[in-house]
PDB file of N, CA and C in Angstrom:
ATOM      1  N   MET A   1      21.773  38.047  48.017  1.00  0.00           N
ATOM      2  CA  MET A   1      22.272  36.889  47.403  1.00  0.00           C
ATOM      3  C   MET A   1      21.525  35.813  47.260  1.00  0.00           C
ATOM      4  N   GLY A   2      21.557  35.184  47.988  1.00  0.00           N
ATOM      5  CA  GLY A   2      20.826  34.014  48.334  1.00  0.00           C
ATOM      6  C   GLY A   2      19.629  34.493  47.977  1.00  0.00           C
ATOM      7  N   VAL A   3      19.020  35.172  49.386  1.00  0.00           N
ATOM      8  CA  VAL A   3      17.265  35.298  48.861  1.00  0.00           C
ATOM      9  C   VAL A   3      17.034  36.005  47.111  1.00  0.00           C
ATOM     10  N   ALA A   4      17.968  36.968  46.865  1.00  0.00           N
ATOM     11  CA  ALA A   4      17.313  37.245  45.538  1.00  0.00           C
ATOM     12  C   ALA A   4      16.953  35.839  44.924  1.00  0.00           C
ATOM     13  N   LEU A   5      17.955  35.040  44.355  1.00  0.00           N
ATOM     14  CA  LEU A   5      17.880  33.777  43.925  1.00  0.00           C
ATOM     15  C   LEU A   5      16.712  33.202  44.386  1.00  0.00           C
ATOM     16  N   GLY A   6      16.334  33.132  45.871  1.00  0.00           N
ATOM     17  CA  GLY A   6      14.836  31.950  45.938  1.00  0.00           C
ATOM     18  C   GLY A   6      13.855  33.096  45.589  1.00  0.00           C
ATOM     19  N   LEU A   7      13.559  34.026  45.987  1.00  0.00           N
ATOM     20  CA  LEU A   7      12.945  35.010  45.314  1.00  0.00           C
ATOM     21  C   LEU A   7      12.769  34.913  43.922  1.00  0.00           C
ATOM     22  N   THR A   8      13.818  34.832  42.673  1.00  0.00           N
ATOM     23  CA  THR A   8      13.468  35.085  41.734  1.00  0.00           C
ATOM     24  C   THR A   8      12.860  32.540  40.945  1.00  0.00           C
ATOM     25  N   PHE A   9      13.585  31.804  42.020  1.00  0.00           N
ATOM     26  CA  PHE A   9      12.972  30.497  41.553  1.00  0.00           C
ATOM     27  C   PHE A   9      11.413  30.084  41.943  1.00  0.00           C
ATOM     28  N   ALA A  10      11.032  31.092  43.160  1.00  0.00           N
ATOM     29  CA  ALA A  10       9.700  30.865  43.404  1.00  0.00           C
ATOM     30  C   ALA A  10       8.791  31.701  42.023  1.00  0.00           C
ATOM     31  N   LEU A  11       9.458  32.954  41.680  1.00  0.00           N
ATOM     32  CA  LEU A  11       8.491  33.311  40.672  1.00  0.00           C
ATOM     33  C   LEU A  11       8.766  32.674  39.964  1.00  0.00           C
ATOM     34  N   ILE A  12       9.370  31.961  39.338  1.00  0.00           N
ATOM     35  CA  ILE A  12       9.663  31.577  37.776  1.00  0.00           C
ATOM     36  C   ILE A  12       8.573  30.054  37.565  1.00  0.00           C
ATOM     37  N   LEU A  13       8.510  29.471  39.063  1.00  0.00           N
ATOM     38  CA  LEU A  13       7.856  28.121  39.213  1.00  0.00           C
ATOM     39  C   LEU A  13       6.509  28.738  40.092  1.00  0.00           C
ATOM     40  N   THR A  14       5.945  29.869  40.099  1.00  0.00           N
ATOM     41  CA  THR A  14       4.522  30.254  40.542  1.00  0.00           C
ATOM     42  C   THR A  14       3.741  30.722  38.682  1.00  0.00           C
ATOM     43  N   LEU A  15       4.715  30.968  38.344  1.00  0.00           N
ATOM     44  CA  LEU A  15       4.203  32.050  36.748  1.00  0.00           C
ATOM     45  C   LEU A  15       4.473  30.765  35.596  1.00  0.00           C
ATOM     46  N   THR A  16       5.388  30.085  35.864  1.00  0.00           N
ATOM     47  CA  THR A  16       5.225  28.910  34.924  1.00  0.00           C
ATOM     48  C   THR A  16       3.904  27.979  34.546  1.00  0.00           C
ATOM     49  N   PRO A  17       3.279  27.932  33.795  1.00  0.00           N
ATOM     50  CA  PRO A  17       1.961  26.697  34.247  1.00  0.00           C
ATOM     51  C   PRO A  17       2.515  24.533  33.893  1.00  0.00           C
ATOM     52  N   ALA A  18       3.721  24.467  33.746  1.00  0.00           N
ATOM     53  CA  ALA A  18       3.792  23.972  33.268  1.00  0.00           C
ATOM     54  C   ALA A  18       4.340  23.126  34.479  1.00  0.00           C
ATOM     55  N   PHE A  19       5.026  23.564  35.419  1.00  0.00           N
ATOM     56  CA  PHE A  19       5.238  23.337  37.092  1.00  0.00           C
ATOM     57  C   PHE A  19       4.091  22.705  37.908  1.00  0.00           C
ATOM     58  N   GLY A  20       2.849  23.720  37.067  1.00  0.00           N
ATOM     59  CA  GLY A  20       1.659  22.935  37.871  1.00  0.00           C
ATOM     60  C   GLY A  20       1.569  23.818  39.669  1.00  0.00           C
ATOM     61  N   VAL A  21       2.269  24.312  40.162  1.00  0.00           N
ATOM     62  CA  VAL A  21       2.826  24.927  41.516  1.00  0.00           C
ATOM     63  C   VAL A  21       1.186  26.355  41.804  1.00  0.00           C
ATOM     64  N   SER A  22       1.204  27.322  40.831  1.00  0.00           N
ATOM     65  CA  SER A  22      -0.007  27.810  40.552  1.00  0.00           C
ATOM     66  C   SER A  22      -1.392  27.282  40.771  1.00  0.00           C
ATOM     67  N   ALA A  23      -1.888  26.623  40.054  1.00  0.00           N
ATOM     68  CA  ALA A  23      -2.542  25.716  40.217  1.00  0.00           C
ATOM     69  C   ALA A  23      -3.003  24.893  41.330  1.00  0.00           C
ATOM     70  N   LEU A  24      -2.092  24.406  41.920  1.00  0.00           N
ATOM     71  CA  LEU A  24      -1.994  23.428  43.236  1.00  0.00           C
ATOM     72  C   LEU A  24      -2.177  24.824  44.078  1.00  0.00           C
ATOM     73  N   ILE A  25      -1.866  25.532  43.752  1.00  0.00           N
ATOM     74  CA  ILE A  25      -1.930  26.649  45.196  1.00  0.00           C
ATOM     75  C   ILE A  25      -3.021  27.393  45.277  1.00  0.00           C
ATOM     76  N   ALA A  26      -4.084  27.587  43.873  1.00  0.00           N
ATOM     77  CA  ALA A  26      -5.068  28.083  43.588  1.00  0.00           C
ATOM     78  C   ALA A  26      -6.007  27.102  44.474  1.00  0.00           C
ATOM     79  N   LEU A  27      -5.708  25.878  44.803  1.00  0.00           N
ATOM     80  CA  LEU A  27      -6.784  24.628  45.423  1.00  0.00           C
ATOM     81  C   LEU A  27      -6.679  25.151  46.664  1.00  0.00           C
ATOM     82  N   GLY A  28      -5.813  25.520  47.281  1.00  0.00           N
ATOM     83  CA  GLY A  28      -6.080  25.378  49.098  1.00  0.00           C
ATOM     84  C   GLY A  28      -7.293  26.512  49.123  1.00  0.00           C
ATOM     85  N   SER A  29      -7.554  26.953  50.482  1.00  0.00           N
ATOM     86  CA  SER A  29      -8.686  26.988  51.426  1.00  0.00           C
ATOM     87  C   SER A  29      -8.107  28.938  51.232  1.00  0.00           C
ATOM     88  N   ASN A  30      -6.867  28.657  51.485  1.00  0.00           N
ATOM     89  CA  ASN A  30      -6.450  30.816  50.902  1.00  0.00           C
ATOM     90  C   ASN A  30      -4.911  30.531  51.034  1.00  0.00           C
ATOM     91  N   PRO A  31      -5.162  30.392  48.815  1.00  0.00           N
ATOM     92  CA  PRO A  31      -4.317  30.753  48.210  1.00  0.00           C
ATOM     93  C   PRO A  31      -2.969  31.751  48.494  1.00  0.00           C
ATOM     94  N   HIS A  32      -3.651  33.161  48.992  1.00  0.00           N
ATOM     95  CA  HIS A  32      -2.801  34.225  49.312  1.00  0.00           C
ATOM     96  C   HIS A  32      -2.193  33.990  50.196  1.00  0.00           C
ATOM     97  N   ASP A  33      -2.277  33.298  51.479  1.00  0.00           N
ATOM     98  CA  ASP A  33      -1.195  32.883  52.747  1.00  0.00           C
ATOM     99  C   ASP A  33      -0.473  31.477  51.955  1.00  0.00           C
ATOM    100  N   ILE A  34      -0.841  30.982  51.409  1.00  0.00           N
ATOM    101  CA  ILE A  34       0.305  29.410  50.702  1.00  0.00           C
ATOM    102  C   ILE A  34       0.886  30.281  49.690  1.00  0.00           C
ATOM    103  N   LEU A  35       0.692  30.948  49.029  1.00  0.00           N
ATOM    104  CA  LEU A  35       1.821  31.704  48.352  1.00  0.00           C
ATOM    105  C   LEU A  35       2.681  32.687  48.899  1.00  0.00           C
ATOM    106  N   LEU A  36       2.581  33.148  49.564  1.00  0.00           N
ATOM    107  CA  LEU A  36       3.372  33.972  50.690  1.00  0.00           C
ATOM    108  C   LEU A  36       4.336  32.796  51.363  1.00  0.00           C
ATOM    109  N   THR A  37       3.464  31.828  52.048  1.00  0.00           N
ATOM    110  CA  THR A  37       5.039  30.973  52.154  1.00  0.00           C
ATOM    111  C   THR A  37       5.184  29.672  51.723  1.00  0.00           C
ATOM    112  N   PHE A  38       5.150  30.028  50.649  1.00  0.00           N
ATOM    113  CA  PHE A  38       5.788  29.150  49.915  1.00  0.00           C
ATOM    114  C   PHE A  38       7.262  29.989  49.005  1.00  0.00           C
ATOM    115  N   VAL A  39       6.577  31.283  48.790  1.00  0.00           N
ATOM    116  CA  VAL A  39       7.620  32.290  48.667  1.00  0.00           C
ATOM    117  C   VAL A  39       8.633  32.605  50.007  1.00  0.00           C
ATOM    118  N   GLY A  40       8.128  32.650  50.503  1.00  0.00           N
ATOM    119  CA  GLY A  40       9.137  33.050  52.079  1.00  0.00           C
ATOM    120  C   GLY A  40       9.813  31.527  52.184  1.00  0.00           C
ATOM    121  N   THR A  41       9.241  30.871  51.900  1.00  0.00           N
ATOM    122  CA  THR A  41      10.359  29.325  52.186  1.00  0.00           C
ATOM    123  C   THR A  41      11.647  29.461  51.381  1.00  0.00           C
ATOM    124  N   CYS A  42      11.200  29.362  49.791  1.00  0.00           N
ATOM    125  CA  CYS A  42      12.074  28.997  49.119  1.00  0.00           C
ATOM    126  C   CYS A  42      13.161  30.626  49.138  1.00  0.00           C
ATOM    127  N   ALA A  43      12.584  31.339  49.282  1.00  0.00           N
ATOM    128  CA  ALA A  43      13.900  32.361  49.985  1.00  0.00           C
ATOM    129  C   ALA A  43      14.431  32.120  51.179  1.00  0.00           C
ATOM    130  N   LEU A  44      13.803  31.885  52.506  1.00  0.00           N
ATOM    131  CA  LEU A  44      14.718  31.332  53.638  1.00  0.00           C
ATOM    132  C   LEU A  44      15.579  30.046  52.827  1.00  0.00           C
ATOM    133  N   MET A  45      15.244  29.283  52.265  1.00  0.00           N
ATOM    134  CA  MET A  45      16.152  28.320  51.901  1.00  0.00           C
ATOM    135  C   MET A  45      17.483  28.045  51.104  1.00  0.00           C
ATOM    136  N   PHE A  46      17.445  29.626  50.365  1.00  0.00           N
ATOM    137  CA  PHE A  46      18.295  30.009  49.544  1.00  0.00           C
ATOM    138  C   PHE A  46      19.056  30.896  49.862  1.00  0.00           C
ATOM    139  N   GLY A  47      18.428  31.861  50.980  1.00  0.00           N
ATOM    140  CA  GLY A  47      19.304  32.070  51.929  1.00  0.00           C
ATOM    141  C   GLY A  47      20.782  32.001  52.521  1.00  0.00           C
ATOM    142  N   VAL A  48      19.760  30.886  53.038  1.00  0.00           N
ATOM    143  CA  VAL A  48      20.514  30.118  54.514  1.00  0.00           C
ATOM    144  C   VAL A  48      21.571  29.176  53.687  1.00  0.00           C
ATOM    145  N   GLY A  49      20.982  28.854  52.543  1.00  0.00           N
ATOM    146  CA  GLY A  49      22.417  28.268  52.256  1.00  0.00           C
ATOM    147  C   GLY A  49      23.114  28.750  51.116  1.00  0.00           C
ATOM    148  N   ALA A  50      22.900  29.885  50.838  1.00  0.00           N
ATOM    149  CA  ALA A  50      24.026  30.830  50.704  1.00  0.00           C
ATOM    150  C   ALA A  50      24.725  31.488  51.756  1.00  0.00           C
ATOM    151  N   ALA A  51      24.304  31.253  53.053  1.00  0.00           N
ATOM    152  CA  ALA A  51      25.129  31.820  53.991  1.00  0.00           C
ATOM    153  C   ALA A  51      26.128  30.502  54.481  1.00  0.00           C
ATOM    154  N   LEU A  52      25.180  29.925  54.820  1.00  0.00           N
ATOM    155  CA  LEU A  52      26.663  28.102  55.197  1.00  0.00           C
ATOM    156  C   LEU A  52      27.502  28.184  53.690  1.00  0.00           C
ATOM    157  N   THR A  53      27.374  28.210  52.878  1.00  0.00           N
ATOM    158  CA  THR A  53      28.074  28.334  52.077  1.00  0.00           C
ATOM    159  C   THR A  53      29.805  29.298  52.038  1.00  0.00           C
ATOM    160  N   GLY A  54      28.954  30.771  51.950  1.00  0.00           N
ATOM    161  CA  GLY A  54      30.247  31.563  52.518  1.00  0.00           C
ATOM    162  C   GLY A  54      31.001  31.116  53.213  1.00  0.00           C
ATOM    163  N   LEU A  55      29.986  30.816  54.964  1.00  0.00           N
ATOM    164  CA  LEU A  55      30.717  30.421  56.140  1.00  0.00           C
ATOM    165  C   LEU A  55      31.828  29.079  55.465  1.00  0.00           C
ATOM    166  N   VAL A  56      31.687  28.208  54.963  1.00  0.00           N
ATOM    167  CA  VAL A  56      32.671  27.046  54.347  1.00  0.00           C
ATOM    168  C   VAL A  56      33.503  27.774  53.678  1.00  0.00           C
ATOM    169  N   PHE A  57      33.403  28.791  52.688  1.00  0.00           N
ATOM    170  CA  PHE A  57      34.318  29.452  52.309  1.00  0.00           C
ATOM    171  C   PHE A  57      35.421  30.093  52.613  1.00  0.00           C
ATOM    172  N   LYS A  58      34.391  30.489  53.535  1.00  0.00           N
ATOM    173  CA  LYS A  58      35.770  31.536  54.238  1.00  0.00           C
ATOM    174  C   LYS A  58      36.335  31.197  55.235  1.00  0.00           C
ATOM    175  N   LEU A  59      36.105  30.076  56.182  1.00  0.00           N
ATOM    176  CA  LEU A  59      36.749  28.932  56.942  1.00  0.00           C
ATOM    177  C   LEU A  59      37.772  27.892  56.136  1.00  0.00           C
ATOM    178  N   THR A  60      37.440  27.619  54.996  1.00  0.00           N
ATOM    179  CA  THR A  60      38.419  26.736  54.171  1.00  0.00           C
ATOM    180  C   THR A  60      39.205  27.220  53.557  1.00  0.00           C
ATOM    181  N   GLU A  61      39.011  28.792  53.591  1.00  0.00           N
ATOM    182  CA  GLU A  61      40.600  29.565  52.729  1.00  0.00           C
ATOM    183  C   GLU A  61      41.585  29.810  53.090  1.00  0.00           C
ATOM    184  N   ASP A  62      43.406  29.444  52.545  1.00  0.00           N
ATOM    185  CA  ASP A  62      44.525  29.626  53.264  1.00  0.00           C
ATOM    186  C   ASP A  62      44.591  30.810  53.272  1.00  0.00           C
ATOM    187  N   MET A  63      45.010  31.097  55.025  1.00  0.00           N
ATOM    188  CA  MET A  63      45.671  32.887  55.128  1.00  0.00           C
ATOM    189  C   MET A  63      46.660  32.692  55.246  1.00  0.00           C
ATOM    190  N   PRO A  64      47.453  33.721  54.513  1.00  0.00           N
ATOM    191  CA  PRO A  64      48.656  34.080  54.418  1.00  0.00           C
ATOM    192  C   PRO A  64      49.357  34.402  56.072  1.00  0.00           C
TER     193      PRO A  64
END
């Protein structure tokens, strides 16, 4: 679920011109690789964050 949220976040950032992320990526020497790196980083950050949050919830819940 975290990876899906990260991909959605990256999609919103790159497709909304008000943020200027797509224009900044287009200025790079290799925009395709920069876009893939950006999307992968967002997905990975959200995925790891969701996994760690789930781990904390699992470890702190009361066992019957």
